């Protein structure tokens, strides 16, 4: 969504076309989120279908078709910039799912898994730290790219802290005698049964049962 609205926000600066938009996006964001030209033009077509941009009568010597923003598009950009950005559902991240499952499956040493994941996270963090250790930005474009790089760096730091938190929680759980191994239950699940540890069929209120 940010790519789509980011492209729309750049079109709001004046009539332009796909190759310029791709170059400008990369110039501001850097290589962390590269765009291919097909993605840019697909986004422009989508924006046009939604009435947020329109094809201009302008063309250049190479025959490039220019796009310009509509009033609805300007309103969409204003709403986007005034609203807070959506956050990813971190509980569904690949790392979180992997660690959560590995911590409960019998025969798996979760601490080996955590050590390997933390070592990888540290290497990634060190690489990002070296890349961000640059002089102060001399241009607006350099500053914009550094802001994106900083966000990636902070995410990497958070991953390391989260892995340390997981290790501490699992260590304490074992010290408390909590059995972390959860064997698979091969009993066929009943249709409509909610997820849970029990096998009881949920009771249905009398009024709901009568309706059924």
N, C-alpha and C. Protein backbone atom coordinates (compact mmCIF):
# COMPACT_ATOMS: atom_id res chain seq x y z
N UNK A 1 0.82 -1.20 0.00
CA UNK A 1 0.00 0.00 0.00
C UNK A 1 0.86 1.25 0.00
N UNK A 2 1.99 1.24 0.73
CA UNK A 2 2.85 2.41 0.77
C UNK A 2 3.46 2.69 -0.59
N UNK A 3 3.78 1.64 -1.35
CA UNK A 3 4.34 1.83 -2.70
C UNK A 3 3.29 2.49 -3.59
N UNK A 4 2.09 1.99 -3.55
CA UNK A 4 1.00 2.55 -4.38
C UNK A 4 0.76 4.01 -4.04
N UNK A 5 0.64 4.30 -2.77
CA UNK A 5 0.35 5.68 -2.37
C UNK A 5 1.59 6.56 -2.50
N UNK A 6 2.77 5.97 -2.36
CA UNK A 6 3.98 6.74 -2.59
C UNK A 6 4.10 7.19 -4.04
N UNK A 7 3.77 6.28 -4.96
CA UNK A 7 3.75 6.65 -6.38
C UNK A 7 2.71 7.72 -6.63
N UNK A 8 1.54 7.57 -6.03
CA UNK A 8 0.49 8.58 -6.20
C UNK A 8 0.94 9.94 -5.68
N UNK A 9 1.64 9.94 -4.54
CA UNK A 9 2.12 11.20 -3.97
C UNK A 9 3.13 11.87 -4.89
N UNK A 10 3.94 11.08 -5.58
CA UNK A 10 4.90 11.67 -6.51
C UNK A 10 4.22 12.21 -7.76
N UNK A 11 3.18 11.52 -8.23
CA UNK A 11 2.41 12.04 -9.37
C UNK A 11 1.76 13.38 -9.00
N UNK A 12 1.45 13.54 -7.72
CA UNK A 12 0.84 14.79 -7.27
C UNK A 12 1.76 15.99 -7.46
N UNK A 13 3.05 15.73 -7.65
CA UNK A 13 4.00 16.82 -7.84
C UNK A 13 3.96 17.39 -9.26
N UNK A 14 3.32 16.67 -10.17
CA UNK A 14 3.23 17.15 -11.54
C UNK A 14 3.17 15.98 -12.51
N UNK A 15 2.71 16.22 -13.74
CA UNK A 15 2.61 15.14 -14.73
C UNK A 15 3.95 14.44 -14.91
N UNK A 16 3.91 13.11 -14.92
CA UNK A 16 5.14 12.33 -15.05
C UNK A 16 4.81 10.95 -15.59
N UNK A 17 5.83 10.12 -15.80
CA UNK A 17 5.59 8.78 -16.35
C UNK A 17 6.39 7.75 -15.58
N UNK A 18 6.19 6.48 -15.94
CA UNK A 18 6.65 5.36 -15.14
C UNK A 18 8.14 5.31 -14.86
N UNK A 19 8.97 5.53 -15.88
CA UNK A 19 10.41 5.42 -15.68
C UNK A 19 10.93 6.49 -14.73
N UNK A 20 10.35 7.68 -14.81
CA UNK A 20 10.72 8.75 -13.88
C UNK A 20 10.30 8.38 -12.46
N UNK A 21 9.10 7.84 -12.33
CA UNK A 21 8.60 7.47 -11.00
C UNK A 21 9.47 6.39 -10.36
N UNK A 22 9.87 5.40 -11.16
CA UNK A 22 10.75 4.36 -10.61
C UNK A 22 12.07 4.95 -10.16
N UNK A 23 12.66 5.80 -10.99
CA UNK A 23 13.95 6.40 -10.64
C UNK A 23 13.82 7.28 -9.39
N UNK A 24 12.73 8.04 -9.31
CA UNK A 24 12.54 8.93 -8.16
C UNK A 24 12.28 8.15 -6.88
N UNK A 25 11.54 7.06 -7.01
CA UNK A 25 11.28 6.22 -5.83
C UNK A 25 12.59 5.65 -5.30
N UNK A 26 13.41 5.10 -6.20
CA UNK A 26 14.68 4.52 -5.77
C UNK A 26 15.62 5.59 -5.24
N UNK A 27 15.58 6.78 -5.82
CA UNK A 27 16.45 7.86 -5.36
C UNK A 27 16.13 8.28 -3.93
N UNK A 28 14.86 8.23 -3.59
CA UNK A 28 14.44 8.65 -2.25
C UNK A 28 14.52 7.52 -1.22
N UNK A 29 14.16 6.33 -1.64
CA UNK A 29 14.08 5.20 -0.71
C UNK A 29 15.37 4.40 -0.68
N UNK A 30 16.09 4.37 -1.78
CA UNK A 30 17.29 3.55 -1.84
C UNK A 30 16.96 2.16 -2.33
N UNK A 31 17.95 1.27 -2.26
CA UNK A 31 17.78 -0.07 -2.80
C UNK A 31 17.08 -1.04 -1.88
N UNK A 32 16.63 -0.59 -0.70
CA UNK A 32 16.01 -1.52 0.24
C UNK A 32 14.66 -2.02 -0.26
N UNK A 33 13.96 -1.20 -1.06
CA UNK A 33 12.67 -1.60 -1.60
C UNK A 33 12.66 -1.29 -3.09
N UNK A 34 13.43 -2.02 -3.89
CA UNK A 34 13.54 -1.71 -5.31
C UNK A 34 12.23 -1.98 -6.04
N UNK A 35 11.95 -1.15 -7.04
CA UNK A 35 10.77 -1.33 -7.87
C UNK A 35 11.21 -1.73 -9.27
N UNK A 36 10.45 -2.60 -9.91
CA UNK A 36 10.70 -2.84 -11.33
C UNK A 36 9.67 -2.05 -12.12
N UNK A 37 10.00 -1.76 -13.36
CA UNK A 37 9.16 -0.87 -14.15
C UNK A 37 7.77 -1.46 -14.38
N UNK A 38 7.69 -2.80 -14.47
CA UNK A 38 6.38 -3.42 -14.62
C UNK A 38 5.48 -3.14 -13.43
N UNK A 39 6.05 -3.18 -12.24
CA UNK A 39 5.28 -2.90 -11.03
C UNK A 39 4.77 -1.47 -11.03
N UNK A 40 5.62 -0.54 -11.50
CA UNK A 40 5.23 0.87 -11.52
C UNK A 40 4.05 1.08 -12.47
N UNK A 41 4.14 0.53 -13.67
CA UNK A 41 3.06 0.74 -14.63
C UNK A 41 1.80 -0.02 -14.25
N UNK A 42 1.96 -1.14 -13.62
CA UNK A 42 0.77 -1.86 -13.12
C UNK A 42 0.07 -1.03 -12.05
N UNK A 43 0.87 -0.37 -11.20
CA UNK A 43 0.30 0.49 -10.17
C UNK A 43 -0.40 1.69 -10.79
N UNK A 44 0.22 2.28 -11.81
CA UNK A 44 -0.40 3.42 -12.49
C UNK A 44 -1.73 3.03 -13.13
N UNK A 45 -1.78 1.84 -13.73
CA UNK A 45 -3.03 1.37 -14.33
C UNK A 45 -4.11 1.18 -13.27
N UNK A 46 -3.70 0.65 -12.12
CA UNK A 46 -4.65 0.48 -11.02
C UNK A 46 -5.14 1.82 -10.51
N UNK A 47 -4.24 2.78 -10.37
CA UNK A 47 -4.63 4.12 -9.92
C UNK A 47 -5.57 4.78 -10.93
N UNK A 48 -5.32 4.52 -12.21
CA UNK A 48 -6.18 5.09 -13.24
C UNK A 48 -7.58 4.48 -13.18
N UNK A 49 -7.64 3.15 -13.00
CA UNK A 49 -8.96 2.49 -12.88
C UNK A 49 -9.75 3.04 -11.70
N UNK A 50 -9.02 3.38 -10.63
CA UNK A 50 -9.69 3.87 -9.43
C UNK A 50 -9.98 5.36 -9.49
N UNK A 51 -9.64 5.99 -10.60
CA UNK A 51 -9.94 7.41 -10.76
C UNK A 51 -9.02 8.34 -9.99
N UNK A 52 -7.85 7.84 -9.61
CA UNK A 52 -6.92 8.65 -8.82
C UNK A 52 -5.88 9.36 -9.69
N UNK A 53 -5.62 8.81 -10.87
CA UNK A 53 -4.77 9.49 -11.85
C UNK A 53 -5.46 9.38 -13.20
N UNK A 54 -5.02 10.20 -14.11
CA UNK A 54 -5.54 10.15 -15.46
C UNK A 54 -4.39 10.33 -16.44
N UNK A 55 -4.55 9.82 -17.63
CA UNK A 55 -3.50 9.98 -18.64
C UNK A 55 -3.54 11.41 -19.17
N UNK A 56 -2.38 12.01 -19.20
CA UNK A 56 -2.27 13.38 -19.69
C UNK A 56 -2.15 13.40 -21.20
N UNK A 57 -2.41 14.55 -21.79
CA UNK A 57 -2.21 14.71 -23.23
C UNK A 57 -0.73 14.92 -23.54
N UNK A 58 0.09 15.07 -22.51
CA UNK A 58 1.52 15.28 -22.70
C UNK A 58 2.22 14.00 -23.12
N UNK A 59 3.17 14.11 -23.99
CA UNK A 59 4.09 13.02 -24.32
C UNK A 59 5.45 13.63 -24.56
N UNK A 60 6.49 12.80 -24.45
CA UNK A 60 7.82 13.32 -24.76
C UNK A 60 8.27 12.80 -26.12
N UNK A 61 9.51 13.09 -26.47
CA UNK A 61 10.02 12.71 -27.78
C UNK A 61 10.01 11.20 -27.99
N UNK A 62 10.12 10.46 -26.88
CA UNK A 62 10.13 9.00 -26.97
C UNK A 62 8.73 8.41 -26.95
N UNK A 63 7.71 9.26 -26.85
CA UNK A 63 6.34 8.78 -26.85
C UNK A 63 5.84 8.30 -25.50
N UNK A 64 6.56 8.65 -24.42
CA UNK A 64 6.14 8.24 -23.08
C UNK A 64 4.81 8.90 -22.71
N UNK A 65 3.91 8.11 -22.16
CA UNK A 65 2.61 8.62 -21.73
C UNK A 65 2.74 9.17 -20.32
N UNK A 66 2.32 10.40 -20.13
CA UNK A 66 2.38 11.03 -18.82
C UNK A 66 1.06 10.80 -18.06
N UNK A 67 1.19 10.74 -16.75
CA UNK A 67 0.02 10.62 -15.88
C UNK A 67 -0.04 11.86 -14.98
N UNK A 68 -1.25 12.27 -14.67
CA UNK A 68 -1.42 13.37 -13.73
C UNK A 68 -2.50 13.01 -12.73
N UNK A 69 -2.43 13.62 -11.58
CA UNK A 69 -3.31 13.25 -10.48
C UNK A 69 -4.68 13.93 -10.64
N UNK A 70 -5.70 13.29 -10.12
CA UNK A 70 -7.05 13.85 -10.11
C UNK A 70 -7.33 14.45 -8.73
N UNK A 71 -8.45 15.12 -8.61
CA UNK A 71 -8.83 15.67 -7.30
C UNK A 71 -9.01 14.56 -6.28
N UNK A 72 -9.58 13.44 -6.72
CA UNK A 72 -9.74 12.29 -5.80
C UNK A 72 -8.38 11.76 -5.38
N UNK A 73 -7.43 11.78 -6.30
CA UNK A 73 -6.08 11.33 -5.97
C UNK A 73 -5.42 12.24 -4.95
N UNK A 74 -5.57 13.54 -5.12
CA UNK A 74 -4.99 14.47 -4.14
C UNK A 74 -5.60 14.26 -2.75
N UNK A 75 -6.90 14.00 -2.72
CA UNK A 75 -7.56 13.74 -1.45
C UNK A 75 -7.03 12.46 -0.81
N UNK A 76 -6.77 11.45 -1.66
CA UNK A 76 -6.24 10.17 -1.16
C UNK A 76 -4.85 10.36 -0.58
N UNK A 77 -4.01 11.15 -1.24
CA UNK A 77 -2.67 11.41 -0.73
C UNK A 77 -2.74 12.15 0.59
N UNK A 78 -3.61 13.16 0.68
CA UNK A 78 -3.74 13.93 1.92
C UNK A 78 -4.19 13.03 3.06
N UNK A 79 -5.14 12.14 2.78
CA UNK A 79 -5.62 11.21 3.82
C UNK A 79 -4.52 10.27 4.26
N UNK A 80 -3.75 9.75 3.30
CA UNK A 80 -2.64 8.83 3.61
C UNK A 80 -1.60 9.50 4.50
N UNK A 81 -1.21 10.71 4.15
CA UNK A 81 -0.17 11.39 4.92
C UNK A 81 -0.65 11.80 6.30
N UNK A 82 -1.96 12.02 6.44
CA UNK A 82 -2.50 12.46 7.74
C UNK A 82 -2.79 11.28 8.66
N UNK A 83 -2.86 10.06 8.10
CA UNK A 83 -3.20 8.89 8.91
C UNK A 83 -1.94 8.18 9.37
N UNK A 84 -2.09 7.33 10.37
CA UNK A 84 -0.95 6.56 10.86
C UNK A 84 -0.75 5.33 9.98
N UNK A 85 0.50 4.91 9.84
CA UNK A 85 0.81 3.76 9.00
C UNK A 85 0.39 2.48 9.68
N UNK A 86 -0.11 1.51 8.89
CA UNK A 86 -0.50 0.22 9.43
C UNK A 86 0.75 -0.58 9.80
N UNK A 87 0.63 -1.36 10.84
CA UNK A 87 1.73 -2.20 11.28
C UNK A 87 1.50 -3.64 10.86
N UNK A 88 2.58 -4.30 10.53
CA UNK A 88 2.47 -5.71 10.15
C UNK A 88 2.09 -6.55 11.36
N UNK A 89 1.36 -7.64 11.12
CA UNK A 89 0.98 -8.55 12.22
C UNK A 89 2.20 -9.38 12.59
N UNK A 90 3.00 -8.85 13.54
CA UNK A 90 4.27 -9.49 13.87
C UNK A 90 4.09 -10.90 14.43
N UNK A 91 2.93 -11.16 15.04
CA UNK A 91 2.70 -12.50 15.59
C UNK A 91 2.65 -13.55 14.50
N UNK A 92 2.44 -13.13 13.23
CA UNK A 92 2.39 -14.07 12.12
C UNK A 92 3.70 -14.05 11.32
N UNK A 93 4.74 -13.43 11.87
CA UNK A 93 6.00 -13.39 11.15
C UNK A 93 6.60 -14.78 11.07
N UNK A 94 7.42 -15.00 10.06
CA UNK A 94 8.02 -16.33 9.87
C UNK A 94 8.85 -16.74 11.08
N UNK A 95 9.61 -15.80 11.63
CA UNK A 95 10.47 -16.12 12.77
C UNK A 95 9.63 -16.48 13.99
N UNK A 96 8.60 -15.70 14.26
CA UNK A 96 7.75 -15.97 15.42
C UNK A 96 7.08 -17.33 15.32
N UNK A 97 6.57 -17.65 14.12
CA UNK A 97 5.92 -18.94 13.93
C UNK A 97 6.91 -20.09 14.11
N UNK A 98 8.09 -19.92 13.52
CA UNK A 98 9.11 -20.96 13.63
C UNK A 98 9.49 -21.22 15.08
N UNK A 99 9.75 -20.16 15.83
CA UNK A 99 10.17 -20.32 17.23
C UNK A 99 9.04 -20.88 18.08
N UNK A 100 7.83 -20.40 17.86
CA UNK A 100 6.69 -20.88 18.65
C UNK A 100 6.48 -22.38 18.44
N UNK A 101 6.54 -22.83 17.19
CA UNK A 101 6.35 -24.26 16.92
C UNK A 101 7.52 -25.08 17.44
N UNK A 102 8.74 -24.60 17.20
CA UNK A 102 9.91 -25.36 17.64
C UNK A 102 9.96 -25.51 19.16
N UNK A 103 9.39 -24.54 19.88
CA UNK A 103 9.43 -24.60 21.34
C UNK A 103 8.50 -25.66 21.90
N UNK A 104 7.56 -26.17 21.08
CA UNK A 104 6.57 -27.13 21.58
C UNK A 104 6.71 -28.52 20.95
N UNK A 105 7.49 -28.65 19.89
CA UNK A 105 7.59 -29.95 19.23
C UNK A 105 8.60 -30.84 19.94
N UNK A 106 8.22 -32.06 20.28
CA UNK A 106 9.14 -32.99 20.95
C UNK A 106 10.36 -33.30 20.07
N UNK A 107 11.49 -33.51 20.72
CA UNK A 107 12.70 -33.90 20.01
C UNK A 107 13.49 -32.76 19.42
N UNK A 108 13.05 -31.53 19.64
CA UNK A 108 13.75 -30.37 19.11
C UNK A 108 14.36 -29.58 20.27
N UNK A 109 15.64 -29.28 20.16
CA UNK A 109 16.30 -28.45 21.17
C UNK A 109 16.07 -27.00 20.80
N UNK A 110 15.10 -26.37 21.44
CA UNK A 110 14.73 -25.01 21.09
C UNK A 110 15.88 -24.04 21.32
N UNK A 111 16.73 -24.34 22.29
CA UNK A 111 17.84 -23.42 22.56
C UNK A 111 18.87 -23.46 21.43
N UNK A 112 19.03 -24.61 20.76
CA UNK A 112 19.88 -24.65 19.58
C UNK A 112 19.29 -23.79 18.46
N UNK A 113 17.98 -23.88 18.31
CA UNK A 113 17.29 -23.09 17.30
C UNK A 113 17.46 -21.60 17.59
N UNK A 114 17.29 -21.24 18.85
CA UNK A 114 17.42 -19.84 19.25
C UNK A 114 18.83 -19.32 19.06
N UNK A 115 19.82 -20.15 19.42
CA UNK A 115 21.21 -19.72 19.26
C UNK A 115 21.55 -19.46 17.79
N UNK A 116 21.09 -20.37 16.92
CA UNK A 116 21.36 -20.20 15.49
C UNK A 116 20.66 -18.95 14.95
N UNK A 117 19.42 -18.75 15.37
CA UNK A 117 18.67 -17.59 14.89
C UNK A 117 19.28 -16.29 15.41
N UNK A 118 19.74 -16.32 16.66
CA UNK A 118 20.34 -15.10 17.24
C UNK A 118 21.67 -14.79 16.55
N UNK A 119 22.46 -15.81 16.26
CA UNK A 119 23.73 -15.58 15.58
C UNK A 119 23.49 -14.95 14.21
N UNK A 120 22.48 -15.44 13.51
CA UNK A 120 22.13 -14.87 12.21
C UNK A 120 21.66 -13.42 12.37
N UNK A 121 20.85 -13.17 13.40
CA UNK A 121 20.35 -11.82 13.64
C UNK A 121 21.48 -10.86 13.98
N UNK A 122 22.45 -11.32 14.74
CA UNK A 122 23.59 -10.47 15.11
C UNK A 122 24.42 -10.13 13.87
N UNK A 123 24.65 -11.13 13.02
CA UNK A 123 25.40 -10.85 11.78
C UNK A 123 24.68 -9.82 10.92
N UNK A 124 23.37 -9.99 10.81
CA UNK A 124 22.56 -9.04 10.04
C UNK A 124 22.64 -7.65 10.65
N UNK A 125 22.54 -7.57 11.96
CA UNK A 125 22.61 -6.29 12.66
C UNK A 125 23.96 -5.63 12.46
N UNK A 126 25.03 -6.40 12.56
CA UNK A 126 26.37 -5.85 12.37
C UNK A 126 26.55 -5.31 10.96
N UNK A 127 26.01 -6.03 9.98
CA UNK A 127 26.11 -5.56 8.60
C UNK A 127 25.37 -4.24 8.42
N UNK A 128 24.17 -4.16 8.97
CA UNK A 128 23.39 -2.93 8.86
C UNK A 128 24.06 -1.78 9.59
N UNK A 129 24.68 -2.08 10.74
CA UNK A 129 25.36 -1.05 11.51
C UNK A 129 26.53 -0.47 10.71
N UNK A 130 27.28 -1.34 10.06
CA UNK A 130 28.40 -0.87 9.23
C UNK A 130 27.90 0.00 8.08
N UNK A 131 26.79 -0.40 7.49
CA UNK A 131 26.25 0.35 6.36
C UNK A 131 25.72 1.72 6.79
N UNK A 132 25.19 1.80 8.02
CA UNK A 132 24.61 3.05 8.49
C UNK A 132 25.64 4.00 9.08
N UNK A 133 26.86 3.51 9.28
CA UNK A 133 27.91 4.35 9.88
C UNK A 133 28.50 5.26 8.81
N UNK A 134 27.68 6.18 8.36
CA UNK A 134 28.10 7.11 7.32
C UNK A 134 28.06 8.54 7.84
N UNK A 135 28.64 9.44 7.07
CA UNK A 135 28.64 10.85 7.45
C UNK A 135 27.22 11.41 7.34
N UNK A 136 27.04 12.59 7.90
CA UNK A 136 25.74 13.24 7.84
C UNK A 136 25.32 13.44 6.39
N UNK A 137 24.02 13.32 6.15
CA UNK A 137 23.51 13.43 4.79
C UNK A 137 23.80 14.82 4.23
N UNK A 138 24.27 14.85 2.99
CA UNK A 138 24.58 16.12 2.33
C UNK A 138 23.42 16.60 1.47
N UNK A 139 22.50 15.68 1.16
CA UNK A 139 21.34 16.04 0.33
C UNK A 139 20.08 15.45 0.94
N UNK A 140 18.95 15.96 0.48
CA UNK A 140 17.68 15.43 0.95
C UNK A 140 17.49 13.98 0.58
N UNK A 141 17.96 13.60 -0.62
CA UNK A 141 17.84 12.21 -1.04
C UNK A 141 18.63 11.29 -0.13
N UNK A 142 19.85 11.70 0.24
CA UNK A 142 20.67 10.88 1.14
C UNK A 142 19.99 10.72 2.50
N UNK A 143 19.40 11.80 3.00
CA UNK A 143 18.71 11.72 4.29
C UNK A 143 17.53 10.77 4.22
N UNK A 144 16.75 10.84 3.12
CA UNK A 144 15.59 9.95 2.98
C UNK A 144 16.02 8.49 2.98
N UNK A 145 17.11 8.19 2.27
CA UNK A 145 17.60 6.82 2.23
C UNK A 145 18.10 6.37 3.60
N UNK A 146 18.74 7.29 4.33
CA UNK A 146 19.23 6.94 5.66
C UNK A 146 18.08 6.65 6.63
N UNK A 147 16.96 7.36 6.47
CA UNK A 147 15.81 7.12 7.34
C UNK A 147 15.28 5.70 7.14
N UNK A 148 15.22 5.25 5.88
CA UNK A 148 14.77 3.89 5.60
C UNK A 148 15.78 2.89 6.17
N UNK A 149 17.06 3.18 5.99
CA UNK A 149 18.10 2.29 6.52
C UNK A 149 18.03 2.22 8.04
N UNK A 150 17.76 3.35 8.68
CA UNK A 150 17.64 3.36 10.15
C UNK A 150 16.48 2.50 10.61
N UNK A 151 15.37 2.55 9.88
CA UNK A 151 14.20 1.74 10.26
C UNK A 151 14.55 0.26 10.21
N UNK A 152 15.28 -0.15 9.17
CA UNK A 152 15.71 -1.54 9.04
C UNK A 152 16.64 -1.92 10.18
N UNK A 153 17.52 -1.00 10.55
CA UNK A 153 18.46 -1.25 11.64
C UNK A 153 17.72 -1.44 12.96
N UNK A 154 16.74 -0.60 13.23
CA UNK A 154 15.99 -0.72 14.48
C UNK A 154 15.19 -2.02 14.52
N UNK A 155 14.67 -2.45 13.36
CA UNK A 155 13.95 -3.73 13.31
C UNK A 155 14.89 -4.88 13.64
N UNK A 156 16.12 -4.81 13.14
CA UNK A 156 17.10 -5.86 13.43
C UNK A 156 17.45 -5.88 14.91
N UNK A 157 17.58 -4.71 15.51
CA UNK A 157 17.85 -4.65 16.95
C UNK A 157 16.69 -5.24 17.74
N UNK A 158 15.48 -4.97 17.30
CA UNK A 158 14.30 -5.50 17.99
C UNK A 158 14.26 -7.02 17.91
N UNK A 159 14.69 -7.58 16.76
CA UNK A 159 14.71 -9.03 16.62
C UNK A 159 15.65 -9.67 17.63
N UNK A 160 16.82 -9.08 17.81
CA UNK A 160 17.78 -9.61 18.79
C UNK A 160 17.19 -9.54 20.19
N UNK A 161 16.58 -8.41 20.53
CA UNK A 161 15.98 -8.27 21.87
C UNK A 161 14.87 -9.28 22.07
N UNK A 162 14.05 -9.49 21.03
CA UNK A 162 12.95 -10.45 21.15
C UNK A 162 13.49 -11.86 21.35
N UNK A 163 14.54 -12.24 20.64
CA UNK A 163 15.13 -13.57 20.81
C UNK A 163 15.69 -13.75 22.22
N UNK A 164 16.30 -12.71 22.77
CA UNK A 164 16.78 -12.78 24.15
C UNK A 164 15.61 -12.92 25.12
N UNK A 165 14.52 -12.23 24.82
CA UNK A 165 13.31 -12.33 25.65
C UNK A 165 12.75 -13.75 25.60
N UNK A 166 12.70 -14.34 24.41
CA UNK A 166 12.19 -15.70 24.26
C UNK A 166 13.06 -16.68 25.04
N UNK A 167 14.36 -16.54 24.94
CA UNK A 167 15.27 -17.42 25.67
C UNK A 167 15.04 -17.34 27.16
N UNK A 168 14.89 -16.13 27.67
CA UNK A 168 14.65 -15.94 29.10
C UNK A 168 13.32 -16.56 29.53
N UNK A 169 12.28 -16.40 28.73
CA UNK A 169 10.98 -16.95 29.08
C UNK A 169 10.98 -18.47 29.08
N UNK A 170 11.64 -19.06 28.08
CA UNK A 170 11.70 -20.51 28.01
C UNK A 170 12.54 -21.09 29.15
N UNK A 171 13.62 -20.41 29.48
CA UNK A 171 14.46 -20.86 30.60
C UNK A 171 13.68 -20.83 31.90
N UNK A 172 12.92 -19.76 32.11
CA UNK A 172 12.12 -19.64 33.32
C UNK A 172 11.00 -20.69 33.33
N UNK A 173 10.41 -20.94 32.17
CA UNK A 173 9.33 -21.93 32.10
C UNK A 173 9.83 -23.32 32.49
N UNK A 174 11.02 -23.66 32.03
CA UNK A 174 11.58 -24.96 32.39
C UNK A 174 11.94 -25.01 33.86
N UNK A 175 12.44 -23.91 34.40
CA UNK A 175 12.76 -23.85 35.82
C UNK A 175 11.50 -24.01 36.67
N UNK A 176 10.38 -23.56 36.14
CA UNK A 176 9.10 -23.68 36.84
C UNK A 176 8.46 -25.05 36.64
N UNK A 177 9.12 -25.92 35.88
CA UNK A 177 8.61 -27.27 35.66
C UNK A 177 7.57 -27.38 34.58
N UNK A 178 7.44 -26.36 33.73
CA UNK A 178 6.45 -26.40 32.66
C UNK A 178 6.92 -27.35 31.56
N UNK A 179 6.05 -28.28 31.17
CA UNK A 179 6.37 -29.23 30.11
C UNK A 179 6.12 -28.54 28.77
N UNK A 180 7.20 -28.28 28.05
CA UNK A 180 7.08 -27.55 26.79
C UNK A 180 6.76 -28.45 25.61
N UNK A 181 6.95 -29.77 25.76
CA UNK A 181 6.70 -30.68 24.66
C UNK A 181 5.21 -30.96 24.51
N UNK A 182 4.67 -30.66 23.35
CA UNK A 182 3.26 -30.89 23.07
C UNK A 182 3.17 -31.86 21.89
N UNK A 183 2.94 -33.16 22.16
CA UNK A 183 2.85 -34.13 21.05
C UNK A 183 1.63 -33.86 20.19
N UNK A 184 1.72 -34.24 18.92
CA UNK A 184 0.59 -34.05 18.02
C UNK A 184 -0.58 -34.91 18.44
N UNK A 185 -1.76 -34.36 18.38
CA UNK A 185 -2.98 -35.09 18.68
C UNK A 185 -3.60 -35.53 17.36
N UNK A 186 -3.57 -36.82 17.09
CA UNK A 186 -4.05 -37.33 15.81
C UNK A 186 -5.55 -37.51 15.75
N UNK A 187 -6.26 -37.17 16.84
CA UNK A 187 -7.72 -37.30 16.83
C UNK A 187 -8.30 -36.37 15.78
N UNK A 188 -9.11 -36.88 14.86
CA UNK A 188 -9.69 -36.00 13.83
C UNK A 188 -10.50 -34.88 14.49
N UNK A 189 -10.24 -33.65 14.12
CA UNK A 189 -11.00 -32.55 14.74
C UNK A 189 -12.44 -32.57 14.29
N UNK A 190 -13.33 -32.22 15.20
CA UNK A 190 -14.75 -32.14 14.87
C UNK A 190 -15.01 -30.86 14.10
N UNK A 191 -15.91 -30.96 13.17
CA UNK A 191 -16.22 -29.81 12.33
C UNK A 191 -16.73 -28.66 13.17
N UNK A 192 -16.14 -27.49 12.97
CA UNK A 192 -16.61 -26.30 13.68
C UNK A 192 -16.06 -26.14 15.06
N UNK A 193 -15.18 -27.08 15.50
CA UNK A 193 -14.65 -26.97 16.86
C UNK A 193 -13.60 -25.87 16.90
N UNK A 194 -13.68 -24.94 17.83
CA UNK A 194 -12.68 -23.89 17.94
C UNK A 194 -11.35 -24.44 18.40
N UNK A 195 -10.28 -23.74 18.06
CA UNK A 195 -8.94 -24.17 18.48
C UNK A 195 -8.85 -24.13 19.99
N UNK A 196 -8.17 -25.10 20.56
CA UNK A 196 -8.01 -25.14 22.00
C UNK A 196 -7.35 -26.43 22.41
N UNK A 197 -7.13 -26.59 23.71
CA UNK A 197 -6.44 -27.78 24.17
C UNK A 197 -7.40 -28.91 24.51
N UNK A 198 -8.67 -28.61 24.69
CA UNK A 198 -9.62 -29.63 25.08
C UNK A 198 -10.31 -30.25 23.89
N UNK A 199 -11.00 -31.35 24.12
CA UNK A 199 -11.72 -32.04 23.06
C UNK A 199 -13.23 -31.90 23.25
N UNK A 200 -13.63 -31.04 24.21
CA UNK A 200 -15.05 -30.92 24.47
C UNK A 200 -15.74 -30.14 23.36
N UNK A 201 -16.94 -30.59 23.01
CA UNK A 201 -17.74 -29.86 22.04
C UNK A 201 -18.36 -28.67 22.73
N UNK A 202 -18.20 -27.46 22.19
CA UNK A 202 -18.75 -26.29 22.86
C UNK A 202 -20.26 -26.36 22.95
N UNK A 203 -20.79 -25.97 24.10
CA UNK A 203 -22.23 -26.00 24.30
C UNK A 203 -22.88 -24.90 23.49
N UNK A 204 -24.11 -25.15 23.06
CA UNK A 204 -24.87 -24.19 22.26
C UNK A 204 -26.03 -23.69 23.08
N UNK A 205 -26.17 -22.37 23.24
CA UNK A 205 -27.30 -21.84 24.00
C UNK A 205 -28.60 -22.34 23.43
N UNK A 206 -29.60 -22.46 24.30
CA UNK A 206 -30.89 -23.03 23.89
C UNK A 206 -31.51 -22.27 22.72
N UNK A 207 -31.42 -20.93 22.76
CA UNK A 207 -32.05 -20.14 21.70
C UNK A 207 -31.35 -20.39 20.39
N UNK A 208 -30.01 -20.48 20.43
CA UNK A 208 -29.24 -20.73 19.20
C UNK A 208 -29.53 -22.13 18.69
N UNK A 209 -29.66 -23.11 19.62
CA UNK A 209 -29.93 -24.49 19.21
C UNK A 209 -31.28 -24.59 18.53
N UNK A 210 -32.26 -23.85 19.06
CA UNK A 210 -33.61 -23.88 18.48
C UNK A 210 -33.61 -23.33 17.09
N UNK A 211 -32.81 -22.24 16.88
CA UNK A 211 -32.74 -21.63 15.57
C UNK A 211 -32.16 -22.58 14.54
N UNK A 212 -31.18 -23.39 14.97
CA UNK A 212 -30.57 -24.34 14.07
C UNK A 212 -31.53 -25.47 13.74
